[in-house]
C-alpha cells in the first residue's frame, strides 16, 4: 500500500505530505482545488515524466516521493520482489521508496530506494504497484477499439498477443517489400534489356583508361609521317651528313675542327682548357644524336592500315563518349553502375521467391497464434460476462445483462487458421471484440456505447474493474471521478462496491458524492488557499465534526441546516451499518 505521498511545487500544490490509510481512501474538495493534481502527481511518480507546465510557477522543478509497503505475497518468479532483487533494489524491511526530482531545465533524477534508476525500470515497478483509472477510461469503454484490450487484460493474453504482434510486424514488412519488388519487377523488364545492351556495348569495346590520348598522338604521328621522315633526315645531314644542305661542312666536322684549333691554343694559353673540355664533351652527344635521328628517319614509314585502324578505334570511343560519359573513366564508371543494377535485378528475382516462401511461413504461424488467441478470448469472455453480470447485480443493475461479442470475418486473402478457414486479421488478431448489453429483459443485446447513459457507463466501468481485480494482484487501485454522471442513489451502490473492492487492496477515489464518501475508511480533503498573491493547495485528513461539515457541504452546499447535518449523519450511520453487516 501507499503509506505516504510527498508532493512539492506541482501545479498549485506548494508542499503537501499525505498519509494514507489502508482500505478505501476518499479525496474530496471543491472544483479547481487540485484533487486530480494529486492523482497526476502519482502518475508522474510512476512514469518519471512531467509536462513543464505542471511545475509550479516560479520554481525550478518539482519533487514527488512515495513510501510504499510491499505486498506479502511476493513468491512468484514474475513478482515485484523478483524485479527489485534482479536490480539490487529490494529492502529487507519490505518498504519501497520512489522519488522523482523533475527539473524545468536540466536532467531529472528518478530514484528507487535511494538509487538512481532509468525510467523504463520505474515504469515496470509502477505496473506492479498501482492501476489508475481516470475519466478517459469512460471514453475507452465507449470506443470498441479498446474492448479487445480490456478482454485481453482480463484473459492474461497480453504476452501471447505481443508474440503475435511481433510476427505480424515481420509479415507486414515482408509483404510490403514483396509488393514493392513485384511492382519494380514489372516496371524494369524493359530497363533491364536496355542496360544489358549498354553493358555489352561497353564491354565489347574493351576500353583502357588513357588509350584515347595515346591513339590520338599515334594518329598525329602517322598522318605526318613523310614530313617527319624528310625533316629528321635533314637534321641528320646537318649534324653528320655527307651532303649538308646548309653548308659544305657538317656540324660534327666543324666541331672537330674547332677542337683541333683550340687544342693548339691551349698549348699557348692553358687558361682555355675548360672550353676545350666542354667542346670535347659535346662531340659524343652530337654523334649519338645524329645516329638516333638517322635511325628515326630510316624507320619512319607510312602505314595506311594502322592509320585506318586508329581512326576506326577513335570513332568508336567518340560514340561511346557521346552515350555514356565525357571520358573513358566516366564510361567505365557507368559500366559499374549498370552491372550493379543488373545484379540487383538478378537478386530481386531470388529475393521475391525468398519473401514469398517466408510470407507463407509467417502467415501459417500467425494463423496458429491468432487461433490460440481467439480460443483464449472466447473462454475468458464467458468468465468475464459471468463476473461482470454478478458485479452489476451488486451495483443495482440486475436487469442489465452484459455480454461480449467476438466475431471473425472469413477472407481468401486472410491468414489460415487450424480450423481450415482463412480470416481477415489485424495487429491484434482475427477477432473483433465488442461489449454488448441488454438493458431490459427480453430485449436483444446492443452495443454498449449505444444504450448506456453516462451514469451506467460509470457503473459498467466499476463492474469491469471489479471483475479484473479478481484476476490480478495489483495492490493499489486509483479511481479519478469514477462517479461522473452518477446521482445519489447510484452513488451509494458505487460506494458499497468501492469499499468491498478495498477489502483486498488499497483503493484511492476522488469523488463529488457524499453517498460514496461516507464509505471511506479514511477521508481526505483538498483545500485551495489564496493569500492575495498566490494560490496553494493543502490536504488534510477529516474526522468527527469536521468530516460531517465536509459531507454536508458536498450534500447541500454552503446553505447548511440541522436537517442537512442530520441527513449526513444518517448517511454515515447507514454506511457503517452496511459495513458492519458485510464484515
Protein backbone atom coordinates (compact mmCIF):
# COMPACT_ATOMS: atom_id res chain seq x y z
CA UNK A 1 0.00 0.00 0.00
CA UNK A 2 0.95 3.66 -0.38
CA UNK A 3 1.77 4.90 3.11
CA UNK A 4 2.83 8.44 2.35
CA UNK A 5 2.94 10.79 -0.63
CA UNK A 6 5.07 13.93 -0.63
CA UNK A 7 4.46 16.48 -3.40
CA UNK A 8 6.31 19.78 -3.73
CA UNK A 9 5.92 22.57 -6.33
CA UNK A 10 3.49 20.65 -8.55
CA UNK A 11 0.84 22.85 -10.18
CA UNK A 12 -0.82 24.82 -7.40
CA UNK A 13 0.50 22.34 -4.82
CA UNK A 14 3.28 24.08 -2.95
CA UNK A 15 4.11 21.36 -0.46
CA UNK A 16 1.89 18.58 0.87
CA UNK A 17 2.61 15.42 2.79
CA UNK A 18 -0.26 12.95 2.60
CA UNK A 19 -0.52 9.98 4.98
CA UNK A 20 -2.87 7.33 3.64
CA UNK A 21 -4.79 4.56 5.28
CA UNK A 22 -5.35 1.04 4.09
CA UNK A 23 -8.77 0.24 2.66
CA UNK A 24 -10.75 2.97 0.89
CA UNK A 25 -9.19 6.45 0.82
CA UNK A 26 -11.54 9.15 -0.44
CA UNK A 27 -10.42 12.58 -1.62
CA UNK A 28 -12.95 15.42 -1.82
CA UNK A 29 -12.79 19.15 -2.39
CA UNK A 30 -14.19 21.96 -4.45
CA UNK A 31 -13.75 22.02 -8.21
CA UNK A 32 -10.36 23.53 -9.07
CA UNK A 33 -8.91 22.86 -5.62
CA UNK A 34 -6.44 20.36 -7.05
CA UNK A 35 -7.96 16.94 -6.37
CA UNK A 36 -6.91 15.49 -9.71
CA UNK A 37 -3.47 17.06 -9.28
CA UNK A 38 -2.81 14.51 -6.55
CA UNK A 39 -3.56 11.70 -9.00
CA UNK A 40 -1.46 13.44 -11.65
CA UNK A 41 1.40 13.54 -9.14
CA UNK A 42 1.07 9.79 -8.56
CA UNK A 43 1.16 9.21 -12.32
CA UNK A 44 4.26 11.41 -12.62
CA UNK A 45 5.88 9.49 -9.76
CA UNK A 46 5.36 6.19 -11.56
CA UNK A 47 6.43 7.42 -15.00
CA UNK A 48 9.21 9.85 -14.14
CA UNK A 49 7.71 12.28 -16.67
CA UNK A 50 6.07 15.64 -16.24
CA UNK A 51 5.00 18.47 -18.51
CA UNK A 52 6.93 21.65 -17.83
CA UNK A 53 3.63 23.49 -17.42
CA UNK A 54 2.87 21.30 -14.37
CA UNK A 55 5.85 22.68 -12.44
CA UNK A 56 4.72 25.39 -10.05
CA UNK A 57 5.27 28.87 -11.44
CA UNK A 58 8.47 30.40 -10.09
CA UNK A 59 10.01 27.03 -9.20
CA UNK A 60 12.94 25.36 -10.96
CA UNK A 61 11.42 21.90 -10.59
CA UNK A 62 9.12 19.63 -8.66
CA UNK A 63 9.77 16.85 -6.17
CA UNK A 64 7.50 13.85 -5.66
CA UNK A 65 8.14 10.96 -3.29
CA UNK A 66 6.09 7.91 -2.36
CA UNK A 67 6.63 5.48 0.50
CA UNK A 68 5.14 2.04 -0.20
CA UNK A 69 4.72 -1.05 1.89
CA UNK A 70 5.19 -4.08 -0.35
CA UNK A 71 2.58 -6.86 -0.52
CA UNK A 72 3.27 -10.00 1.49
CA UNK A 73 2.68 -12.40 -1.43
CA UNK A 74 5.84 -11.98 -3.46
CA UNK A 75 6.90 -15.57 -4.19
CA UNK A 76 6.20 -15.87 -7.92
CA UNK A 77 9.13 -15.51 -10.35
CA UNK A 78 7.46 -12.53 -12.04
CA UNK A 79 6.70 -10.69 -8.79
CA UNK A 80 7.71 -7.17 -7.86
CA UNK A 81 10.18 -8.57 -5.31
CA UNK A 82 11.90 -10.57 -8.06
CA UNK A 83 12.17 -7.47 -10.24
CA UNK A 84 13.62 -5.45 -7.36
CA UNK A 85 16.02 -8.28 -6.45
CA UNK A 86 17.29 -8.51 -10.04
CA UNK A 87 18.17 -4.83 -9.95
CA UNK A 88 19.54 -4.74 -6.41
CA UNK A 89 16.69 -2.58 -5.12
CA UNK A 90 14.86 -4.82 -2.64
CA UNK A 91 14.85 -3.79 1.01
CA UNK A 92 14.52 -6.41 3.74
CA UNK A 93 12.11 -4.24 5.71
CA UNK A 94 9.53 -4.62 2.92
CA UNK A 95 9.44 -0.89 2.24
CA UNK A 96 9.87 0.83 -1.10
CA UNK A 97 10.71 4.50 -1.60
CA UNK A 98 10.25 6.05 -5.04
CA UNK A 99 11.26 9.65 -5.64
CA UNK A 100 11.32 11.88 -8.71
CA UNK A 101 13.12 15.20 -8.87
CA UNK A 102 11.92 16.72 -12.11
CA UNK A 103 13.65 19.87 -13.33
CA UNK A 104 12.30 22.64 -15.56
CA UNK A 105 15.71 22.80 -17.21
CA UNK A 106 18.35 20.16 -16.83
CA UNK A 107 18.32 16.48 -16.04
CA UNK A 108 15.59 14.87 -13.95
CA UNK A 109 16.52 12.19 -11.42
CA UNK A 110 14.42 9.13 -10.59
CA UNK A 111 15.31 7.00 -7.57
CA UNK A 112 14.06 3.73 -6.10
CA UNK A 113 15.19 3.06 -2.55
CA UNK A 114 17.61 5.97 -2.90
CA UNK A 115 19.27 4.58 -6.02
CA UNK A 116 19.02 6.32 -9.40
CA UNK A 117 17.19 4.16 -11.97
CA UNK A 118 16.10 4.57 -15.61
CA UNK A 119 12.50 5.47 -16.39
CA UNK A 120 11.94 2.12 -18.08
CA UNK A 121 12.61 0.28 -14.82
CA UNK A 122 10.45 2.77 -12.89
CA UNK A 123 7.59 2.07 -15.30
CA UNK A 124 7.96 -1.69 -14.73
CA UNK A 125 7.90 -1.25 -10.96
CA UNK A 126 4.87 1.05 -11.20
CA UNK A 127 2.91 -1.52 -13.21
CA UNK A 128 3.15 -3.90 -10.23
CA UNK A 129 2.04 -1.28 -7.70
CA UNK A 130 -0.80 0.90 -8.97
CA UNK A 131 -3.60 0.75 -11.53
CA UNK A 132 -5.02 4.22 -12.24
CA UNK A 133 -8.46 4.67 -13.80
CA UNK A 134 -9.26 8.19 -14.89
CA UNK A 135 -12.12 9.83 -16.74
CA UNK A 136 -10.57 8.77 -20.05
CA UNK A 137 -11.40 5.16 -19.16
CA UNK A 138 -15.07 6.04 -19.55
CA UNK A 139 -14.34 7.12 -23.10
CA UNK A 140 -12.34 3.95 -23.79
CA UNK A 141 -15.32 1.90 -22.68
CA UNK A 142 -17.39 3.64 -25.36
CA UNK A 143 -14.72 3.03 -28.01
CA UNK A 144 -14.92 -0.51 -29.39
CA UNK A 145 -11.24 -0.35 -30.38
CA UNK A 146 -10.36 -0.69 -26.71
CA UNK A 147 -12.71 -3.57 -25.88
CA UNK A 148 -10.28 -6.18 -27.16
CA UNK A 149 -7.62 -4.66 -24.88
CA UNK A 150 -9.92 -4.96 -21.85
CA UNK A 151 -10.65 -8.59 -22.68
CA UNK A 152 -7.00 -9.47 -23.28
CA UNK A 153 -6.01 -7.91 -19.97
CA UNK A 154 -8.67 -9.98 -18.21
CA UNK A 155 -7.57 -13.12 -20.06
CA UNK A 156 -3.87 -12.52 -19.29
CA UNK A 157 -3.33 -12.78 -23.04
CA UNK A 158 -1.03 -9.78 -23.44
CA UNK A 159 2.17 -11.86 -23.66
CA UNK A 160 0.61 -14.08 -26.33
CA UNK A 161 -0.65 -11.01 -28.18
CA UNK A 162 2.81 -9.44 -28.04
CA UNK A 163 4.26 -12.58 -29.63
CA UNK A 164 1.54 -12.42 -32.30
CA UNK A 165 2.22 -8.71 -32.87
CA UNK A 166 5.93 -9.28 -33.46
CA UNK A 167 5.20 -11.87 -36.15
CA UNK A 168 2.52 -9.58 -37.61
CA UNK A 169 5.13 -6.82 -37.94
CA UNK A 170 7.58 -9.18 -39.62
CA UNK A 171 4.88 -10.34 -42.04
CA UNK A 172 3.85 -6.75 -42.83
CA UNK A 173 7.43 -5.84 -43.57
CA UNK A 174 7.98 -8.91 -45.75
CA UNK A 175 4.80 -8.40 -47.75
CA UNK A 176 5.46 -4.68 -48.16
CA UNK A 177 8.90 -5.45 -49.58
CA UNK A 178 7.40 -8.18 -51.77
CA UNK A 179 4.80 -5.78 -53.17
CA UNK A 180 7.47 -3.18 -53.87
CA UNK A 181 9.74 -5.71 -55.60
CA UNK A 182 6.90 -7.13 -57.67
CA UNK A 183 5.94 -3.65 -58.87
CA UNK A 184 9.56 -2.84 -59.62
CA UNK A 185 9.96 -6.12 -61.47
CA UNK A 186 7.13 -5.21 -63.87
CA UNK A 187 8.41 -1.71 -64.47
CA UNK A 188 12.05 -2.67 -65.03
CA UNK A 189 11.95 -5.50 -67.57
CA UNK A 190 12.45 -3.04 -70.46
CA UNK A 191 15.03 -1.15 -68.45
CA UNK A 192 16.93 -4.36 -67.77
CA UNK A 193 17.04 -5.16 -71.51
CA UNK A 194 18.42 -1.69 -72.27
CA UNK A 195 21.04 -1.94 -69.54
CA UNK A 196 22.20 -5.33 -70.80
CA UNK A 197 22.61 -3.86 -74.32
CA UNK A 198 24.62 -0.95 -72.94
CA UNK A 199 26.77 -3.26 -70.83
CA UNK A 200 27.54 -5.49 -73.82
CA UNK A 201 28.37 -2.48 -75.99
CA UNK A 202 30.84 -1.06 -73.48
CA UNK A 203 32.36 -4.44 -72.60
CA UNK A 204 32.98 -5.34 -76.28
CA UNK A 205 34.95 -2.10 -76.70
CA UNK A 206 37.48 -3.29 -74.07
CA UNK A 207 38.37 0.28 -73.18
CA UNK A 208 41.56 1.16 -71.31
CA UNK A 209 41.98 4.37 -69.39
CA UNK A 210 44.13 6.87 -71.35
CA UNK A 211 44.10 4.92 -74.60
CA UNK A 212 42.25 7.65 -76.47
CA UNK A 213 45.09 10.11 -75.80
CA UNK A 214 47.69 7.61 -76.91
CA UNK A 215 45.77 6.80 -80.09
CA UNK A 216 45.36 10.47 -80.99
CA UNK A 217 49.09 11.02 -80.58
CA UNK A 218 49.88 7.98 -82.73
CA UNK A 219 47.39 9.18 -85.35
CA UNK A 220 49.11 12.56 -85.42
CA UNK A 221 52.49 10.93 -85.94
CA UNK A 222 51.34 8.58 -88.71
CA UNK A 223 49.48 11.37 -90.51
CA UNK A 224 52.68 13.49 -90.58
CA UNK A 225 54.98 10.53 -91.36
CA UNK A 226 56.56 11.75 -94.61
CA UNK A 227 57.21 15.22 -93.23
CA UNK A 228 58.79 13.73 -90.11
CA UNK A 229 60.97 11.39 -92.22
CA UNK A 230 62.26 14.17 -94.51
CA UNK A 231 62.83 16.71 -91.75
CA UNK A 232 64.63 14.25 -89.49
CA UNK A 233 66.92 13.16 -92.32
CA UNK A 234 67.72 16.81 -92.99
CA UNK A 235 68.66 17.29 -89.35
CA UNK A 236 70.89 14.23 -89.54
CA UNK A 237 72.55 15.57 -92.68
CA UNK A 238 73.29 18.86 -90.91
CA UNK A 239 74.82 17.05 -88.00
CA UNK A 240 76.78 14.36 -89.77
CA UNK A 241 75.64 14.03 -93.38
CA UNK A 242 77.77 13.56 -96.44
CA UNK A 243 75.74 16.19 -98.24
CA UNK A 244 74.96 19.07 -95.89
CA UNK A 245 72.24 21.29 -97.24
CA UNK A 246 73.19 24.47 -95.40
CA UNK A 247 76.99 24.35 -95.92
CA UNK A 248 79.77 22.18 -97.22
CA UNK A 249 80.79 21.21 -93.70
CA UNK A 250 78.62 19.16 -91.26
CA UNK A 251 78.23 20.14 -87.64
CA UNK A 252 80.44 17.29 -86.44
CA UNK A 253 83.20 18.22 -88.88
CA UNK A 254 83.01 21.83 -87.73
CA UNK A 255 83.14 20.76 -84.06
CA UNK A 256 86.19 18.53 -84.72
CA UNK A 257 87.95 21.42 -86.48
CA UNK A 258 87.15 23.67 -83.53
CA UNK A 259 88.56 21.11 -81.11
CA UNK A 260 91.81 20.82 -83.09
CA UNK A 261 92.21 24.57 -83.23
CA UNK A 262 91.55 25.16 -79.52
CA UNK A 263 93.90 22.28 -78.65
CA UNK A 264 96.74 24.21 -80.25
CA UNK A 265 95.66 27.35 -78.45
CA UNK A 266 95.77 25.58 -75.10
CA UNK A 267 99.46 24.83 -75.70
CA UNK A 268 99.99 28.55 -75.91
CA UNK A 269 97.46 29.55 -73.18
CA UNK A 270 96.42 26.83 -70.66
CA UNK A 271 93.55 29.02 -69.43
CA UNK A 272 91.46 27.74 -72.40
CA UNK A 273 91.41 24.17 -71.05
CA UNK A 274 87.81 24.43 -69.69
CA UNK A 275 86.49 25.48 -73.08
CA UNK A 276 88.38 22.60 -74.72
CA UNK A 277 86.89 20.15 -72.23
CA UNK A 278 83.37 21.45 -72.97
CA UNK A 279 83.79 21.01 -76.73
CA UNK A 280 85.26 17.54 -76.28
CA UNK A 281 82.26 16.63 -74.08
CA UNK A 282 79.77 17.82 -76.65
CA UNK A 283 81.18 15.76 -79.52
CA UNK A 284 79.99 12.29 -78.28
CA UNK A 285 76.49 13.63 -77.55
CA UNK A 286 76.18 15.17 -81.03
CA UNK A 287 77.38 11.92 -82.57
CA UNK A 288 74.77 9.94 -80.55
CA UNK A 289 72.01 12.39 -81.51
CA UNK A 290 72.95 12.09 -85.16
CA UNK A 291 72.78 8.28 -85.04
CA UNK A 292 69.38 8.32 -83.26
CA UNK A 293 67.90 10.77 -85.72
CA UNK A 294 69.22 8.68 -88.62
CA UNK A 295 67.56 5.57 -87.15
CA UNK A 296 64.30 7.50 -86.60
CA UNK A 297 64.36 8.65 -90.25
CA UNK A 298 65.17 5.18 -91.58
CA UNK A 299 62.34 3.55 -89.55
CA UNK A 300 59.69 6.14 -90.31
CA UNK A 301 57.27 4.50 -92.77
CA UNK A 302 53.67 5.49 -93.62
CA UNK A 303 51.25 2.65 -92.52
CA UNK A 304 47.85 3.17 -94.17
CA UNK A 305 46.29 0.11 -92.45
CA UNK A 306 47.36 1.27 -89.00
CA UNK A 307 46.03 4.74 -89.76
CA UNK A 308 42.60 3.34 -90.66
CA UNK A 309 42.61 1.12 -87.57
CA UNK A 310 43.36 4.07 -85.29
CA UNK A 311 40.71 6.25 -86.89
CA UNK A 312 38.12 3.47 -86.53
CA UNK A 313 39.03 2.92 -82.85
CA UNK A 314 38.86 6.62 -82.06
CA UNK A 315 35.45 6.89 -83.72
CA UNK A 316 34.19 4.01 -81.56
CA UNK A 317 35.45 5.77 -78.43
CA UNK A 318 33.85 9.07 -79.50
CA UNK A 319 30.48 7.30 -79.97
CA UNK A 320 30.72 5.73 -76.51
CA UNK A 321 31.57 9.13 -75.01
CA UNK A 322 28.50 10.69 -76.59
CA UNK A 323 26.32 7.98 -74.99
CA UNK A 324 27.88 7.20 -71.66
CA UNK A 325 30.36 9.83 -70.49
CA UNK A 326 32.82 12.56 -71.39
CA UNK A 327 35.87 10.36 -70.80
CA UNK A 328 36.86 6.70 -70.74
CA UNK A 329 36.91 6.67 -66.88
CA UNK A 330 33.35 8.09 -66.95
CA UNK A 331 32.27 5.33 -69.35
CA UNK A 332 33.85 2.63 -67.16
CA UNK A 333 32.16 4.11 -64.06
CA UNK A 334 28.82 3.98 -65.87
CA UNK A 335 29.54 0.34 -66.71
CA UNK A 336 29.95 -0.38 -62.97
CA UNK A 337 26.61 1.28 -62.26
CA UNK A 338 24.93 -0.81 -64.93
CA UNK A 339 26.40 -4.02 -63.54
CA UNK A 340 25.25 -3.12 -60.01
CA UNK A 341 21.70 -2.51 -61.28
CA UNK A 342 21.72 -5.74 -63.26
CA UNK A 343 22.95 -7.54 -60.16
CA UNK A 344 20.04 -6.13 -58.20
CA UNK A 345 17.63 -7.27 -60.90
CA UNK A 346 19.05 -10.76 -60.60
CA UNK A 347 18.95 -10.65 -56.80
CA UNK A 348 15.42 -9.23 -56.95
CA UNK A 349 14.05 -12.39 -58.53
CA UNK A 350 15.73 -14.52 -55.87
CA UNK A 351 14.53 -12.16 -53.13
CA UNK A 352 10.94 -12.33 -54.40
CA UNK A 353 10.95 -16.11 -54.16
CA UNK A 354 12.54 -15.95 -50.73
CA UNK A 355 9.93 -13.45 -49.49
CA UNK A 356 7.04 -15.50 -50.89
CA UNK A 357 8.25 -18.53 -49.01
CA UNK A 358 8.83 -16.58 -45.78
CA UNK A 359 5.45 -14.84 -46.00
CA UNK A 360 3.69 -18.19 -46.34
CA UNK A 361 5.54 -19.47 -43.26
CA UNK A 362 4.70 -16.34 -41.25
CA UNK A 363 1.03 -16.49 -42.26
CA UNK A 364 0.86 -20.09 -41.12
CA UNK A 365 2.50 -19.23 -37.79
CA UNK A 366 0.34 -16.13 -37.39
CA UNK A 367 -2.81 -18.16 -38.04
CA UNK A 368 -1.91 -20.64 -35.31
CA UNK A 369 -1.26 -17.84 -32.79
CA UNK A 370 -4.43 -15.98 -33.82
CA UNK A 371 -6.47 -19.15 -33.33
CA UNK A 372 -4.90 -19.66 -29.91
CA UNK A 373 -5.67 -16.04 -29.02
CA UNK A 374 -9.24 -16.38 -30.24
CA UNK A 375 -9.80 -19.55 -28.19
CA UNK A 376 -8.39 -17.89 -25.07
CA UNK A 377 -10.60 -14.83 -25.62
CA UNK A 378 -13.71 -16.95 -26.09
CA UNK A 379 -13.08 -18.87 -22.87
CA UNK A 380 -12.22 -15.72 -20.92
CA UNK A 381 -15.20 -13.81 -22.32
CA UNK A 382 -17.56 -16.34 -20.69
CA UNK A 383 -15.89 -15.79 -17.33
CA UNK A 384 -15.88 -12.01 -17.80
CA UNK A 385 -19.58 -11.97 -18.67
CA UNK A 386 -20.39 -14.04 -15.59
CA UNK A 387 -18.33 -11.84 -13.27
CA UNK A 388 -19.47 -8.50 -14.71
CA UNK A 389 -23.12 -9.51 -14.51
CA UNK A 390 -22.53 -10.51 -10.89
CA UNK A 391 -20.96 -7.11 -10.25
CA UNK A 392 -23.87 -5.37 -11.99
CA UNK A 393 -26.28 -7.10 -9.64
CA UNK A 394 -24.28 -5.68 -6.73
CA UNK A 395 -24.48 -2.27 -8.39
CA UNK A 396 -28.26 -2.47 -8.56
CA UNK A 397 -28.30 -3.12 -12.30
CA UNK A 398 -29.69 -6.67 -12.13
CA UNK A 399 -31.99 -6.03 -15.09
CA UNK A 400 -28.97 -5.30 -17.31
CA UNK A 401 -27.21 -8.25 -18.93
CA UNK A 402 -23.66 -7.73 -20.08
CA UNK A 403 -22.26 -9.74 -22.99
CA UNK A 404 -19.14 -9.90 -25.15
CA UNK A 405 -19.37 -10.27 -28.92
CA UNK A 406 -16.39 -11.94 -30.60
CA UNK A 407 -16.59 -12.17 -34.38
CA UNK A 408 -14.27 -13.19 -37.21
CA UNK A 409 -14.59 -12.45 -40.91
CA UNK A 410 -13.53 -15.02 -43.48
CA UNK A 411 -11.34 -13.85 -46.33
CA UNK A 412 -9.39 -15.62 -49.06
CA UNK A 413 -6.57 -13.11 -48.57
CA UNK A 414 -6.54 -13.61 -44.80
CA UNK A 415 -4.38 -15.88 -42.66
CA UNK A 416 -5.05 -19.64 -42.50
CA UNK A 417 -6.20 -20.94 -39.13
CA UNK A 418 -6.17 -24.52 -37.84
CA UNK A 419 -9.94 -24.79 -38.38
CA UNK A 420 -9.30 -24.78 -42.15
CA UNK A 421 -10.61 -21.26 -42.82
CA UNK A 422 -8.79 -18.04 -43.62
CA UNK A 423 -9.75 -14.86 -41.76
CA UNK A 424 -9.14 -11.15 -42.03
CA UNK A 425 -6.55 -10.10 -39.47
CA UNK A 426 -5.07 -7.04 -37.78
CA UNK A 427 -2.23 -6.43 -35.38
CA UNK A 428 -4.48 -7.73 -32.58
CA UNK A 429 -5.60 -10.96 -34.25
CA UNK A 430 -8.58 -12.16 -36.25
CA UNK A 431 -11.21 -11.17 -33.68
CA UNK A 432 -13.47 -8.15 -33.47
CA UNK A 433 -14.48 -7.70 -29.84
CA UNK A 434 -17.37 -5.52 -28.71
CA UNK A 435 -19.04 -5.14 -25.34
CA UNK A 436 -22.81 -5.54 -25.53
CA UNK A 437 -25.68 -5.13 -23.11
CA UNK A 438 -29.39 -5.75 -22.88
CA UNK A 439 -30.94 -3.15 -20.58
CA UNK A 440 -34.31 -4.85 -20.19
CA UNK A 441 -35.44 -8.48 -20.05
CA UNK A 442 -36.40 -9.91 -23.42
CA UNK A 443 -34.53 -7.29 -25.41
CA UNK A 444 -31.60 -8.24 -27.65
CA UNK A 445 -28.08 -7.19 -26.77
CA UNK A 446 -26.90 -3.98 -28.36
CA UNK A 447 -23.51 -2.21 -28.42
CA UNK A 448 -22.77 -0.75 -25.02
CA UNK A 449 -21.97 2.67 -26.47
CA UNK A 450 -25.46 2.96 -27.96
CA UNK A 451 -27.58 2.17 -24.95
CA UNK A 452 -25.71 3.16 -21.79
CA UNK A 453 -26.16 6.50 -20.09
CA UNK A 454 -23.22 8.34 -18.51
CA UNK A 455 -24.11 7.00 -15.08
CA UNK A 456 -24.49 3.47 -16.38
CA UNK A 457 -21.10 3.72 -18.09
CA UNK A 458 -19.56 4.62 -14.73
CA UNK A 459 -21.10 1.54 -13.13
CA UNK A 460 -20.11 -0.64 -16.10
CA UNK A 461 -16.53 0.60 -15.69
CA UNK A 462 -16.54 -0.18 -11.98
CA UNK A 463 -18.04 -3.60 -12.67
CA UNK A 464 -15.29 -4.31 -15.21
CA UNK A 465 -12.55 -3.10 -12.89
CA UNK A 466 -14.00 -5.15 -10.05
CA UNK A 467 -14.01 -8.22 -12.27
CA UNK A 468 -10.42 -7.54 -13.36
CA UNK A 469 -9.34 -7.10 -9.74
CA UNK A 470 -10.11 -10.78 -9.12
CA UNK A 471 -7.59 -11.82 -11.76
CA UNK A 472 -4.64 -9.56 -10.91
CA UNK A 473 -2.51 -8.83 -7.87
CA UNK A 474 -2.10 -5.07 -8.22
CA UNK A 475 -2.31 -3.82 -4.63
CA UNK A 476 -3.40 -0.20 -5.24
CA UNK A 477 -6.35 0.96 -7.36
CA UNK A 478 -6.97 4.64 -8.09
CA UNK A 479 -10.31 5.94 -9.38
CA UNK A 480 -10.37 9.56 -10.53
CA UNK A 481 -14.03 10.66 -10.52
CA UNK A 482 -15.49 7.24 -11.32
CA UNK A 483 -18.83 8.78 -10.25
CA UNK A 484 -19.07 11.07 -13.28
CA UNK A 485 -22.71 11.38 -14.35
CA UNK A 486 -23.93 9.40 -11.32
CA UNK A 487 -26.65 10.54 -8.93
CA UNK A 488 -27.01 9.96 -5.21
CA UNK A 489 -28.92 6.66 -5.46
CA UNK A 490 -26.31 5.12 -7.77
CA UNK A 491 -23.55 6.74 -5.75
CA UNK A 492 -24.50 4.66 -2.73
CA UNK A 493 -24.07 1.36 -4.57
CA UNK A 494 -20.80 2.57 -6.07
CA UNK A 495 -19.61 3.43 -2.58
CA UNK A 496 -20.51 -0.05 -1.41
CA UNK A 497 -18.64 -1.60 -4.34
CA UNK A 498 -15.56 0.55 -3.80
CA UNK A 499 -15.49 -0.34 -0.11
CA UNK A 500 -15.84 -4.05 -0.93
CA UNK A 501 -13.10 -3.75 -3.52
CA UNK A 502 -10.86 -2.14 -0.89
CA UNK A 503 -11.05 -5.15 1.43
CA UNK A 504 -8.32 -6.91 -0.51
CA UNK A 505 -6.28 -3.88 -1.55
CA UNK A 506 -5.86 -0.14 -1.10
CA UNK A 507 -8.31 1.99 -3.09
CA UNK A 508 -7.97 5.73 -3.67
CA UNK A 509 -11.03 7.53 -5.04
CA UNK A 510 -11.78 11.14 -5.92
CA UNK A 511 -15.48 11.84 -5.65
CA UNK A 512 -18.05 14.64 -5.52
CA UNK A 513 -20.77 12.47 -3.99
CA UNK A 514 -21.25 12.23 -0.22
CA UNK A 515 -23.07 8.94 -0.82
CA UNK A 516 -19.70 7.50 -1.91
CA UNK A 517 -17.54 9.42 0.54
CA UNK A 518 -19.37 8.05 3.60
CA UNK A 519 -17.95 4.59 2.84
CA UNK A 520 -14.37 5.81 3.19
CA UNK A 521 -12.01 4.19 5.66
CA UNK A 522 -10.10 7.48 5.52
CA UNK A 523 -11.43 10.80 4.21
CA UNK A 524 -9.04 13.47 2.92
CA UNK A 525 -9.98 16.95 1.77
CA UNK A 526 -8.15 19.17 -0.70
CA UNK A 527 -8.29 22.91 0.07
CA UNK A 528 -7.17 25.77 -2.17
CA UNK A 529 -5.92 28.78 -0.23
CA UNK A 530 -5.21 32.23 -1.66
CA UNK A 531 -3.13 34.78 0.26
CA UNK A 532 -3.83 37.56 -2.23
CA UNK A 533 -0.88 36.89 -4.50
CA UNK A 534 -0.52 33.12 -4.88
CA UNK A 535 -2.84 30.13 -4.66
CA UNK A 536 -1.71 26.95 -2.98
CA UNK A 537 -3.27 23.63 -2.12
CA UNK A 538 -3.32 21.85 1.22
CA UNK A 539 -4.55 18.38 2.11
CA UNK A 540 -5.99 17.33 5.45
CA UNK A 541 -7.49 14.17 6.88
CA UNK A 542 -11.01 14.59 8.24
CA UNK A 543 -12.88 13.01 11.10
CA UNK A 544 -15.55 13.88 13.62
CA UNK A 545 -17.41 17.15 13.21
CA UNK A 546 -15.01 18.39 10.50
CA UNK A 547 -15.88 15.32 8.42
CA UNK A 548 -19.60 15.93 8.95
CA UNK A 549 -19.25 19.54 7.79
CA UNK A 550 -17.38 18.44 4.67
CA UNK A 551 -20.01 15.84 3.79
CA UNK A 552 -22.80 18.33 4.47
CA UNK A 553 -21.12 20.84 2.17
CA UNK A 554 -20.97 18.14 -0.51
CA UNK A 555 -24.65 17.33 0.00
CA UNK A 556 -26.29 20.77 0.13
CA UNK A 557 -23.55 23.34 -0.41
CA UNK A 558 -22.92 26.26 1.88
CA UNK A 559 -26.59 26.52 2.98
CA UNK A 560 -26.29 24.02 5.83
CA UNK A 561 -29.05 23.31 8.29
CA UNK A 562 -29.80 20.97 11.14
CA UNK A 563 -31.75 18.73 8.78
CA UNK A 564 -28.88 18.54 6.28
CA UNK A 565 -26.42 17.69 9.06
CA UNK A 566 -28.86 15.08 10.30
CA UNK A 567 -29.08 13.64 6.77
CA UNK A 568 -25.31 13.35 6.59
CA UNK A 569 -25.12 11.62 9.94
CA UNK A 570 -27.80 9.21 8.79
CA UNK A 571 -25.74 8.51 5.63
CA UNK A 572 -22.67 7.85 7.77
CA UNK A 573 -24.60 5.56 10.10
CA UNK A 574 -26.23 3.72 7.22
CA UNK A 575 -22.84 3.16 5.62
CA UNK A 576 -21.39 1.99 8.92
CA UNK A 577 -24.26 -0.43 9.46
CA UNK A 578 -23.81 -1.79 5.95
CA UNK A 579 -20.07 -2.25 6.51
CA UNK A 580 -20.69 -3.98 9.81
CA UNK A 581 -23.13 -6.32 8.15
CA UNK A 582 -20.60 -7.15 5.43
CA UNK A 583 -17.84 -7.72 7.95
